[in-house]
């Protein structure tokens, strides 16, 4: 069974952005309750060579918007707009001013969700089968087709960066669980009766 490109991408981007917003909301509440500096939480890194938590969120947001814009054919193949960069920022100079509050990051996520709502199923699925290009200073990454772009690049990167945010906050003591990462269950529960004998 082939899954349409829209179904494989936009609903997942929306779901995970909402989950990320929820995670950040819990982090903000934790910081307030514990008297922890939000700025210190947002500066946490897994490794000195990795981007801090705040940049990880920015990468997720621009990646989601940039993916949707490319799938809908709304931007030129060589577009290097920072706000539509798709998981390919290699250095600090590829960003604007650092966001220093959970409120600012959650606003960024909300704006991305509003943008994703403007992308229709018809717009994405009616687009001709074509290569997808992602420009980066000094190179252009060309994906054979939208399916490869979404399944082999966008979704792995989306989960990677959100996992980094989750891990940074969880290791700081924010009371997060797997359900915060996954969001509302995408399944229904059927109870089984175990053999008592």
N, C-alpha and C. Protein backbone atom coordinates (compact mmCIF):
# COMPACT_ATOMS: atom_id res chain seq x y z
N UNK A 1 0.83 -1.17 0.00
CA UNK A 1 0.00 0.00 0.00
C UNK A 1 0.89 1.24 0.00
N UNK A 2 0.65 2.13 -0.93
CA UNK A 2 1.42 3.37 -1.01
C UNK A 2 0.70 4.47 -0.23
N UNK A 3 1.46 5.16 0.63
CA UNK A 3 0.89 6.25 1.41
C UNK A 3 1.11 7.55 0.66
N UNK A 4 0.06 8.35 0.46
CA UNK A 4 0.24 9.64 -0.22
C UNK A 4 1.24 10.52 0.55
N UNK A 5 1.99 11.34 -0.17
CA UNK A 5 3.03 12.17 0.43
C UNK A 5 2.47 13.06 1.54
N UNK A 6 1.31 13.65 1.29
CA UNK A 6 0.71 14.52 2.32
C UNK A 6 0.52 13.73 3.61
N UNK A 7 -0.09 12.57 3.52
CA UNK A 7 -0.40 11.77 4.70
C UNK A 7 0.86 11.32 5.42
N UNK A 8 1.93 11.09 4.69
CA UNK A 8 3.19 10.65 5.29
C UNK A 8 3.96 11.80 5.94
N UNK A 9 3.55 13.04 5.66
CA UNK A 9 4.35 14.17 6.14
C UNK A 9 3.59 15.15 7.02
N UNK A 10 2.64 15.86 6.48
CA UNK A 10 2.04 17.00 7.19
C UNK A 10 1.39 16.60 8.52
N UNK A 11 0.57 15.55 8.60
CA UNK A 11 0.00 15.20 9.90
C UNK A 11 1.06 14.87 10.95
N UNK A 12 2.15 14.23 10.54
CA UNK A 12 3.23 13.91 11.48
C UNK A 12 3.95 15.17 11.92
N UNK A 13 4.21 16.08 10.99
CA UNK A 13 4.85 17.34 11.36
C UNK A 13 3.99 18.10 12.36
N UNK A 14 2.69 18.15 12.12
CA UNK A 14 1.77 18.85 13.02
C UNK A 14 1.77 18.17 14.39
N UNK A 15 1.62 16.88 14.41
CA UNK A 15 1.58 16.13 15.67
C UNK A 15 2.84 16.36 16.50
N UNK A 16 4.00 16.25 15.86
CA UNK A 16 5.24 16.36 16.60
C UNK A 16 5.53 17.80 17.03
N UNK A 17 5.11 18.78 16.25
CA UNK A 17 5.26 20.16 16.70
C UNK A 17 4.38 20.43 17.93
N UNK A 18 3.18 19.89 17.93
CA UNK A 18 2.31 20.04 19.10
C UNK A 18 2.94 19.36 20.33
N UNK A 19 3.48 18.17 20.12
CA UNK A 19 4.13 17.46 21.23
C UNK A 19 5.32 18.26 21.75
N UNK A 20 6.09 18.84 20.84
CA UNK A 20 7.24 19.65 21.24
C UNK A 20 6.79 20.86 22.05
N UNK A 21 5.72 21.50 21.62
CA UNK A 21 5.17 22.63 22.37
C UNK A 21 4.76 22.22 23.77
N UNK A 22 4.15 21.04 23.89
CA UNK A 22 3.74 20.51 25.19
C UNK A 22 4.97 20.26 26.07
N UNK A 23 6.00 19.68 25.50
CA UNK A 23 7.25 19.41 26.24
C UNK A 23 7.84 20.72 26.77
N UNK A 24 7.85 21.75 25.92
CA UNK A 24 8.39 23.04 26.34
C UNK A 24 7.52 23.68 27.43
N UNK A 25 6.22 23.47 27.34
CA UNK A 25 5.32 24.00 28.38
C UNK A 25 5.63 23.35 29.72
N UNK A 26 5.85 22.04 29.71
CA UNK A 26 6.20 21.35 30.95
C UNK A 26 7.55 21.82 31.48
N UNK A 27 8.48 22.10 30.58
CA UNK A 27 9.80 22.59 30.99
C UNK A 27 9.69 23.97 31.63
N UNK A 28 8.85 24.83 31.06
CA UNK A 28 8.65 26.17 31.62
C UNK A 28 8.04 26.08 33.02
N UNK A 29 7.06 25.20 33.19
CA UNK A 29 6.42 25.02 34.50
C UNK A 29 7.43 24.48 35.51
N UNK A 30 8.27 23.55 35.08
CA UNK A 30 9.32 23.00 35.94
C UNK A 30 10.29 24.09 36.38
N UNK A 31 10.73 24.91 35.44
CA UNK A 31 11.68 25.98 35.75
C UNK A 31 11.09 26.94 36.78
N UNK A 32 9.82 27.28 36.59
CA UNK A 32 9.17 28.20 37.53
C UNK A 32 9.03 27.57 38.91
N UNK A 33 8.58 26.33 38.95
CA UNK A 33 8.37 25.63 40.22
C UNK A 33 9.68 25.43 40.98
N UNK A 34 10.74 25.06 40.27
CA UNK A 34 12.01 24.75 40.90
C UNK A 34 12.93 25.96 41.06
N UNK A 35 12.53 27.09 40.48
CA UNK A 35 13.39 28.27 40.55
C UNK A 35 14.63 28.15 39.68
N UNK A 36 14.50 27.34 38.64
CA UNK A 36 15.60 27.12 37.70
C UNK A 36 15.54 28.18 36.60
N UNK A 37 16.68 28.63 36.16
CA UNK A 37 16.73 29.63 35.11
C UNK A 37 16.31 29.02 33.77
N UNK A 38 15.26 29.55 33.14
CA UNK A 38 14.88 29.04 31.81
C UNK A 38 16.03 29.19 30.81
N UNK A 39 16.78 30.29 30.92
CA UNK A 39 17.89 30.51 30.00
C UNK A 39 18.93 29.40 30.09
N UNK A 40 19.20 28.93 31.33
CA UNK A 40 20.16 27.84 31.49
C UNK A 40 19.65 26.55 30.85
N UNK A 41 18.35 26.28 31.00
CA UNK A 41 17.78 25.09 30.36
C UNK A 41 17.89 25.19 28.84
N UNK A 42 17.61 26.38 28.30
CA UNK A 42 17.63 26.57 26.85
C UNK A 42 19.04 26.54 26.27
N UNK A 43 20.05 26.70 27.12
CA UNK A 43 21.44 26.65 26.66
C UNK A 43 22.06 25.26 26.78
N UNK A 44 21.33 24.32 27.35
CA UNK A 44 21.88 22.96 27.53
C UNK A 44 22.23 22.33 26.19
N UNK A 45 23.30 21.56 26.20
CA UNK A 45 23.77 20.84 25.01
C UNK A 45 24.11 19.41 25.40
N UNK A 46 23.96 18.49 24.45
CA UNK A 46 24.41 17.12 24.69
C UNK A 46 25.92 17.03 24.58
N UNK A 47 26.49 17.89 23.76
CA UNK A 47 27.93 17.91 23.52
C UNK A 47 28.31 19.32 23.11
N UNK A 48 29.51 19.77 23.45
CA UNK A 48 29.90 21.14 23.11
C UNK A 48 29.80 21.48 21.63
N UNK A 49 29.92 20.49 20.76
CA UNK A 49 29.85 20.74 19.32
C UNK A 49 28.43 20.70 18.76
N UNK A 50 27.46 20.40 19.63
CA UNK A 50 26.07 20.36 19.18
C UNK A 50 25.38 21.67 19.51
N UNK A 51 24.30 21.96 18.78
CA UNK A 51 23.52 23.16 19.05
C UNK A 51 22.82 23.04 20.40
N UNK A 52 22.58 24.19 21.07
CA UNK A 52 21.85 24.16 22.34
C UNK A 52 20.37 23.87 22.10
N UNK A 53 19.67 23.61 23.18
CA UNK A 53 18.25 23.25 23.12
C UNK A 53 17.44 24.26 22.31
N UNK A 54 17.65 25.54 22.54
CA UNK A 54 16.85 26.54 21.81
C UNK A 54 17.03 26.42 20.30
N UNK A 55 18.25 26.17 19.86
CA UNK A 55 18.50 26.02 18.42
C UNK A 55 17.88 24.72 17.90
N UNK A 56 17.87 23.68 18.72
CA UNK A 56 17.24 22.42 18.30
C UNK A 56 15.78 22.66 17.95
N UNK A 57 15.11 23.48 18.77
CA UNK A 57 13.70 23.79 18.52
C UNK A 57 13.56 24.58 17.22
N UNK A 58 14.43 25.57 17.02
CA UNK A 58 14.39 26.36 15.79
C UNK A 58 14.59 25.48 14.56
N UNK A 59 15.47 24.51 14.67
CA UNK A 59 15.74 23.60 13.55
C UNK A 59 14.49 22.78 13.23
N UNK A 60 13.80 22.29 14.25
CA UNK A 60 12.57 21.53 14.03
C UNK A 60 11.53 22.39 13.33
N UNK A 61 11.36 23.62 13.80
CA UNK A 61 10.34 24.51 13.24
C UNK A 61 10.63 24.85 11.79
N UNK A 62 11.85 25.27 11.49
CA UNK A 62 12.16 25.62 10.10
C UNK A 62 12.12 24.39 9.22
N UNK A 63 12.53 23.24 9.77
CA UNK A 63 12.48 21.99 8.99
C UNK A 63 11.07 21.60 8.61
N UNK A 64 10.14 21.74 9.56
CA UNK A 64 8.74 21.41 9.28
C UNK A 64 8.16 22.35 8.23
N UNK A 65 8.39 23.65 8.41
CA UNK A 65 7.86 24.62 7.45
C UNK A 65 8.52 24.46 6.08
N UNK A 66 9.82 24.26 6.07
CA UNK A 66 10.54 24.12 4.81
C UNK A 66 10.14 22.87 4.06
N UNK A 67 9.90 21.79 4.79
CA UNK A 67 9.42 20.55 4.16
C UNK A 67 8.08 20.80 3.49
N UNK A 68 7.14 21.38 4.24
CA UNK A 68 5.79 21.62 3.71
C UNK A 68 5.84 22.54 2.50
N UNK A 69 6.64 23.59 2.57
CA UNK A 69 6.73 24.54 1.46
C UNK A 69 7.27 23.87 0.21
N UNK A 70 8.24 22.99 0.38
CA UNK A 70 8.81 22.30 -0.79
C UNK A 70 7.84 21.28 -1.37
N UNK A 71 7.16 20.54 -0.49
CA UNK A 71 6.19 19.55 -0.99
C UNK A 71 5.05 20.22 -1.74
N UNK A 72 4.67 21.41 -1.30
CA UNK A 72 3.57 22.13 -1.96
C UNK A 72 4.05 22.94 -3.16
N UNK A 73 5.36 22.96 -3.40
CA UNK A 73 5.91 23.72 -4.53
C UNK A 73 5.81 25.22 -4.34
N UNK A 74 5.85 25.66 -3.11
CA UNK A 74 5.69 27.09 -2.82
C UNK A 74 7.00 27.89 -2.87
N UNK A 75 8.14 27.22 -2.93
CA UNK A 75 9.40 27.95 -2.98
C UNK A 75 10.28 27.44 -4.10
N UNK A 76 11.19 28.26 -4.55
CA UNK A 76 12.12 27.89 -5.63
C UNK A 76 13.11 26.85 -5.11
N UNK A 77 13.60 25.99 -5.99
CA UNK A 77 14.54 24.94 -5.57
C UNK A 77 15.82 25.48 -4.91
N UNK A 78 16.25 26.69 -5.29
CA UNK A 78 17.49 27.22 -4.73
C UNK A 78 17.25 28.19 -3.57
N UNK A 79 16.05 28.19 -3.01
CA UNK A 79 15.71 29.10 -1.91
C UNK A 79 16.54 28.76 -0.67
N UNK A 80 17.18 29.77 -0.08
CA UNK A 80 17.99 29.57 1.12
C UNK A 80 17.43 30.32 2.32
N UNK A 81 16.14 30.62 2.30
CA UNK A 81 15.50 31.34 3.39
C UNK A 81 15.69 30.57 4.70
N UNK A 82 16.23 31.25 5.71
CA UNK A 82 16.50 30.60 7.00
C UNK A 82 15.26 29.97 7.61
N UNK A 83 14.14 30.67 7.52
CA UNK A 83 12.92 30.18 8.16
C UNK A 83 12.35 28.94 7.48
N UNK A 84 12.88 28.61 6.30
CA UNK A 84 12.43 27.41 5.58
C UNK A 84 13.56 26.42 5.34
N UNK A 85 14.62 26.58 6.12
CA UNK A 85 15.77 25.68 6.03
C UNK A 85 15.35 24.30 6.54
N UNK A 86 15.72 23.27 5.82
CA UNK A 86 15.27 21.92 6.19
C UNK A 86 16.43 21.11 6.77
N UNK A 87 16.58 21.18 8.09
CA UNK A 87 17.53 20.36 8.84
C UNK A 87 18.95 20.42 8.27
N UNK A 88 19.38 21.61 7.84
CA UNK A 88 20.70 21.66 7.23
C UNK A 88 21.51 22.90 7.63
N UNK A 89 21.30 23.39 8.82
CA UNK A 89 22.09 24.53 9.29
C UNK A 89 23.35 24.00 9.94
N UNK A 90 24.48 24.40 9.41
CA UNK A 90 25.73 23.85 9.90
C UNK A 90 26.46 24.69 10.92
N UNK A 91 26.08 25.97 11.09
CA UNK A 91 26.81 26.82 12.02
C UNK A 91 25.88 27.88 12.61
N UNK A 92 26.35 28.51 13.66
CA UNK A 92 25.57 29.55 14.34
C UNK A 92 25.18 30.69 13.41
N UNK A 93 26.01 31.01 12.45
CA UNK A 93 25.71 32.14 11.56
C UNK A 93 24.50 31.88 10.66
N UNK A 94 24.04 30.65 10.62
CA UNK A 94 22.86 30.30 9.82
C UNK A 94 21.56 30.62 10.56
N UNK A 95 21.66 31.18 11.75
CA UNK A 95 20.49 31.52 12.56
C UNK A 95 20.44 33.02 12.79
N UNK A 96 19.30 33.47 13.29
CA UNK A 96 19.17 34.85 13.73
C UNK A 96 19.53 34.93 15.21
N UNK A 97 18.98 35.93 15.87
CA UNK A 97 19.20 36.08 17.31
C UNK A 97 18.67 34.85 18.04
N UNK A 98 19.36 34.44 19.07
CA UNK A 98 18.94 33.27 19.84
C UNK A 98 17.70 33.59 20.65
N UNK A 99 16.71 32.72 20.61
CA UNK A 99 15.51 32.88 21.42
C UNK A 99 15.83 32.42 22.84
N UNK A 100 15.46 33.23 23.81
CA UNK A 100 15.90 32.97 25.18
C UNK A 100 14.77 32.70 26.15
N UNK A 101 13.59 32.37 25.65
CA UNK A 101 12.49 32.04 26.56
C UNK A 101 11.64 30.91 25.97
N UNK A 102 11.03 30.16 26.87
CA UNK A 102 10.13 29.11 26.43
C UNK A 102 8.93 29.71 25.71
N UNK A 103 8.49 30.87 26.14
CA UNK A 103 7.36 31.53 25.49
C UNK A 103 7.68 31.84 24.03
N UNK A 104 8.88 32.38 23.78
CA UNK A 104 9.27 32.71 22.41
C UNK A 104 9.35 31.46 21.54
N UNK A 105 9.85 30.38 22.09
CA UNK A 105 9.95 29.13 21.32
C UNK A 105 8.57 28.54 21.06
N UNK A 106 7.69 28.61 22.04
CA UNK A 106 6.34 28.08 21.84
C UNK A 106 5.56 28.94 20.83
N UNK A 107 5.83 30.23 20.81
CA UNK A 107 5.21 31.10 19.81
C UNK A 107 5.70 30.72 18.42
N UNK A 108 7.00 30.44 18.30
CA UNK A 108 7.57 30.00 17.03
C UNK A 108 6.89 28.73 16.53
N UNK A 109 6.66 27.80 17.45
CA UNK A 109 5.98 26.54 17.10
C UNK A 109 4.55 26.83 16.67
N UNK A 110 3.86 27.69 17.40
CA UNK A 110 2.47 28.01 17.05
C UNK A 110 2.38 28.63 15.67
N UNK A 111 3.30 29.52 15.34
CA UNK A 111 3.32 30.14 14.01
C UNK A 111 3.55 29.08 12.93
N UNK A 112 4.38 28.11 13.21
CA UNK A 112 4.62 27.03 12.24
C UNK A 112 3.36 26.20 12.06
N UNK A 113 2.66 25.92 13.14
CA UNK A 113 1.41 25.15 13.04
C UNK A 113 0.38 25.90 12.20
N UNK A 114 0.30 27.21 12.37
CA UNK A 114 -0.62 28.02 11.55
C UNK A 114 -0.21 27.91 10.08
N UNK A 115 1.08 27.97 9.80
CA UNK A 115 1.55 27.85 8.41
C UNK A 115 1.19 26.47 7.83
N UNK A 116 1.41 25.42 8.61
CA UNK A 116 1.12 24.06 8.12
C UNK A 116 -0.37 23.89 7.81
N UNK A 117 -1.21 24.60 8.53
CA UNK A 117 -2.65 24.52 8.25
C UNK A 117 -3.00 25.09 6.88
N UNK A 118 -2.12 25.91 6.30
CA UNK A 118 -2.39 26.47 4.97
C UNK A 118 -2.00 25.51 3.85
N UNK A 119 -1.34 24.42 4.20
CA UNK A 119 -0.91 23.43 3.20
C UNK A 119 -2.01 22.40 3.05
N UNK A 120 -2.59 22.32 1.86
CA UNK A 120 -3.70 21.37 1.66
C UNK A 120 -3.20 20.03 1.12
N UNK A 121 -3.98 19.03 1.39
CA UNK A 121 -3.71 17.69 0.86
C UNK A 121 -3.65 17.73 -0.67
N UNK A 122 -4.57 18.47 -1.27
CA UNK A 122 -4.63 18.55 -2.74
C UNK A 122 -3.37 19.22 -3.30
N UNK A 123 -2.91 20.25 -2.61
CA UNK A 123 -1.73 20.99 -3.05
C UNK A 123 -0.49 20.09 -3.07
N UNK A 124 -0.35 19.26 -2.07
CA UNK A 124 0.82 18.38 -1.97
C UNK A 124 0.67 17.17 -2.89
N UNK A 125 -0.45 16.48 -2.80
CA UNK A 125 -0.61 15.24 -3.55
C UNK A 125 -0.81 15.46 -5.05
N UNK A 126 -1.25 16.66 -5.43
CA UNK A 126 -1.42 16.96 -6.85
C UNK A 126 -0.13 17.44 -7.50
N UNK A 127 0.88 17.73 -6.67
CA UNK A 127 2.16 18.20 -7.24
C UNK A 127 2.76 17.09 -8.08
N UNK A 128 3.37 17.44 -9.20
CA UNK A 128 3.98 16.42 -10.04
C UNK A 128 5.15 15.72 -9.33
N UNK A 129 5.34 14.47 -9.68
CA UNK A 129 6.49 13.71 -9.15
C UNK A 129 7.75 14.41 -9.64
N UNK A 130 8.57 14.88 -8.73
CA UNK A 130 9.74 15.66 -9.11
C UNK A 130 10.80 15.55 -8.04
N UNK A 131 12.05 15.85 -8.40
CA UNK A 131 13.08 15.92 -7.36
C UNK A 131 12.80 17.09 -6.41
N UNK A 132 13.23 16.95 -5.17
CA UNK A 132 13.11 18.01 -4.18
C UNK A 132 14.52 18.49 -3.85
N UNK A 133 14.72 19.80 -3.94
CA UNK A 133 16.04 20.38 -3.66
C UNK A 133 16.02 21.15 -2.36
N UNK A 134 17.11 21.03 -1.63
CA UNK A 134 17.29 21.77 -0.39
C UNK A 134 18.63 22.47 -0.49
N UNK A 135 18.59 23.79 -0.60
CA UNK A 135 19.82 24.58 -0.74
C UNK A 135 20.42 24.87 0.63
N UNK A 136 21.72 24.88 0.64
CA UNK A 136 22.50 25.18 1.83
C UNK A 136 23.71 25.96 1.33
N UNK A 137 24.27 26.88 2.08
CA UNK A 137 25.45 27.60 1.58
C UNK A 137 26.52 26.62 1.08
N UNK A 138 26.85 26.75 -0.20
CA UNK A 138 27.89 25.90 -0.77
C UNK A 138 27.43 24.61 -1.41
N UNK A 139 26.16 24.23 -1.24
CA UNK A 139 25.69 22.99 -1.85
C UNK A 139 24.18 22.97 -1.96
N UNK A 140 23.70 22.09 -2.82
CA UNK A 140 22.27 21.83 -2.94
C UNK A 140 22.09 20.33 -2.83
N UNK A 141 21.25 19.91 -1.92
CA UNK A 141 20.94 18.49 -1.78
C UNK A 141 19.71 18.20 -2.62
N UNK A 142 19.81 17.22 -3.50
CA UNK A 142 18.71 16.90 -4.40
C UNK A 142 18.21 15.50 -4.07
N UNK A 143 16.92 15.42 -3.73
CA UNK A 143 16.29 14.14 -3.42
C UNK A 143 15.50 13.70 -4.65
N UNK A 144 15.61 12.44 -4.99
CA UNK A 144 15.02 11.88 -6.20
C UNK A 144 13.53 12.19 -6.35
N UNK A 145 12.81 12.14 -5.23
CA UNK A 145 11.37 12.39 -5.28
C UNK A 145 10.88 12.80 -3.89
N UNK A 146 9.64 13.28 -3.79
CA UNK A 146 9.11 13.70 -2.49
C UNK A 146 9.09 12.60 -1.43
N UNK A 147 8.82 11.35 -1.84
CA UNK A 147 8.77 10.25 -0.89
C UNK A 147 10.13 10.05 -0.21
N UNK A 148 11.19 10.05 -1.02
CA UNK A 148 12.54 9.89 -0.47
C UNK A 148 12.88 11.05 0.46
N UNK A 149 12.54 12.25 0.05
CA UNK A 149 12.77 13.44 0.86
C UNK A 149 12.10 13.31 2.23
N UNK A 150 10.84 12.92 2.25
CA UNK A 150 10.09 12.82 3.50
C UNK A 150 10.57 11.65 4.36
N UNK A 151 10.59 10.46 3.78
CA UNK A 151 10.85 9.24 4.55
C UNK A 151 12.31 9.05 4.95
N UNK A 152 13.23 9.48 4.10
CA UNK A 152 14.65 9.23 4.38
C UNK A 152 15.38 10.42 4.97
N UNK A 153 14.76 11.61 4.93
CA UNK A 153 15.46 12.79 5.40
C UNK A 153 14.65 13.59 6.43
N UNK A 154 13.46 13.99 6.07
CA UNK A 154 12.68 14.86 6.95
C UNK A 154 12.29 14.16 8.24
N UNK A 155 11.64 13.01 8.16
CA UNK A 155 11.16 12.36 9.38
C UNK A 155 12.29 11.92 10.30
N UNK A 156 13.37 11.30 9.80
CA UNK A 156 14.47 10.97 10.72
C UNK A 156 15.04 12.21 11.43
N UNK A 157 15.20 13.30 10.70
CA UNK A 157 15.72 14.52 11.31
C UNK A 157 14.74 15.12 12.32
N UNK A 158 13.46 15.10 11.99
CA UNK A 158 12.44 15.60 12.90
C UNK A 158 12.53 14.87 14.24
N UNK A 159 12.53 13.55 14.19
CA UNK A 159 12.58 12.76 15.42
C UNK A 159 13.90 12.95 16.15
N UNK A 160 14.99 13.07 15.42
CA UNK A 160 16.30 13.26 16.04
C UNK A 160 16.32 14.53 16.89
N UNK A 161 15.94 15.66 16.29
CA UNK A 161 16.04 16.93 16.99
C UNK A 161 15.06 17.03 18.16
N UNK A 162 13.87 16.46 18.01
CA UNK A 162 12.93 16.48 19.13
C UNK A 162 13.42 15.56 20.24
N UNK A 163 14.05 14.45 19.89
CA UNK A 163 14.63 13.57 20.90
C UNK A 163 15.73 14.28 21.67
N UNK A 164 16.54 15.07 20.99
CA UNK A 164 17.60 15.83 21.67
C UNK A 164 16.97 16.78 22.69
N UNK A 165 15.93 17.51 22.30
CA UNK A 165 15.25 18.42 23.22
C UNK A 165 14.72 17.64 24.42
N UNK A 166 14.04 16.54 24.16
CA UNK A 166 13.48 15.70 25.22
C UNK A 166 14.59 15.25 26.17
N UNK A 167 15.69 14.74 25.62
CA UNK A 167 16.78 14.21 26.44
C UNK A 167 17.42 15.31 27.29
N UNK A 168 17.62 16.48 26.70
CA UNK A 168 18.21 17.59 27.45
C UNK A 168 17.33 17.99 28.63
N UNK A 169 16.04 18.08 28.40
CA UNK A 169 15.13 18.48 29.47
C UNK A 169 14.96 17.38 30.51
N UNK A 170 14.85 16.14 30.06
CA UNK A 170 14.69 15.03 30.99
C UNK A 170 15.92 14.91 31.89
N UNK A 171 17.11 15.08 31.31
CA UNK A 171 18.33 14.98 32.11
C UNK A 171 18.48 16.15 33.07
N UNK A 172 17.76 17.25 32.83
CA UNK A 172 17.77 18.39 33.75
C UNK A 172 16.74 18.22 34.87
N UNK A 173 15.96 17.15 34.81
CA UNK A 173 14.99 16.88 35.86
C UNK A 173 13.55 17.20 35.51
N UNK A 174 13.30 17.68 34.30
CA UNK A 174 11.92 17.97 33.90
C UNK A 174 11.16 16.64 33.88
N UNK A 175 10.00 16.57 34.55
CA UNK A 175 9.27 15.30 34.64
C UNK A 175 8.54 14.94 33.34
N UNK A 176 9.30 14.41 32.41
CA UNK A 176 8.76 14.01 31.11
C UNK A 176 8.73 12.49 31.02
N UNK A 177 7.76 12.00 30.28
CA UNK A 177 7.67 10.56 30.02
C UNK A 177 7.53 10.33 28.53
N UNK A 178 7.54 9.08 28.16
CA UNK A 178 7.44 8.73 26.75
C UNK A 178 6.16 9.28 26.12
N UNK A 179 5.08 9.33 26.91
CA UNK A 179 3.81 9.83 26.39
C UNK A 179 3.91 11.30 26.00
N UNK A 180 4.76 12.08 26.69
CA UNK A 180 4.95 13.48 26.31
C UNK A 180 5.58 13.57 24.93
N UNK A 181 6.49 12.67 24.62
CA UNK A 181 7.13 12.64 23.31
C UNK A 181 6.14 12.18 22.24
N UNK A 182 5.41 11.11 22.53
CA UNK A 182 4.51 10.51 21.54
C UNK A 182 3.22 11.31 21.35
N UNK A 183 2.76 11.99 22.41
CA UNK A 183 1.49 12.68 22.33
C UNK A 183 0.32 11.74 22.55
N UNK A 184 -0.85 12.19 22.18
CA UNK A 184 -2.05 11.37 22.35
C UNK A 184 -1.89 10.05 21.61
N UNK A 185 -2.30 8.95 22.22
CA UNK A 185 -2.15 7.66 21.56
C UNK A 185 -2.81 7.61 20.18
N UNK A 186 -2.11 7.00 19.25
CA UNK A 186 -2.64 6.83 17.89
C UNK A 186 -3.27 5.45 17.75
N UNK A 187 -3.61 4.87 18.88
CA UNK A 187 -4.17 3.52 18.89
C UNK A 187 -5.31 3.48 19.91
N UNK A 188 -6.06 2.42 19.85
CA UNK A 188 -7.07 2.19 20.89
C UNK A 188 -6.66 0.94 21.63
N UNK A 189 -7.04 0.85 22.86
CA UNK A 189 -6.65 -0.27 23.71
C UNK A 189 -7.77 -1.29 23.75
N UNK A 190 -7.42 -2.54 23.52
CA UNK A 190 -8.36 -3.63 23.65
C UNK A 190 -7.86 -4.50 24.82
N UNK A 191 -8.67 -4.59 25.84
CA UNK A 191 -8.29 -5.35 27.02
C UNK A 191 -8.38 -6.84 26.74
N UNK A 192 -7.41 -7.58 27.25
CA UNK A 192 -7.43 -9.04 27.10
C UNK A 192 -7.61 -9.64 28.48
N UNK A 193 -8.22 -10.78 28.50
CA UNK A 193 -8.41 -11.51 29.76
C UNK A 193 -7.32 -12.57 29.83
N UNK A 194 -6.50 -12.47 30.88
CA UNK A 194 -5.44 -13.46 31.03
C UNK A 194 -5.99 -14.72 31.69
N UNK A 195 -5.43 -15.84 31.30
CA UNK A 195 -5.83 -17.12 31.86
C UNK A 195 -5.44 -17.17 33.34
N UNK A 196 -6.41 -17.31 34.22
CA UNK A 196 -6.14 -17.33 35.64
C UNK A 196 -5.67 -18.70 36.12
N UNK A 197 -5.76 -19.69 35.31
CA UNK A 197 -5.50 -21.04 35.74
C UNK A 197 -4.15 -21.47 35.42
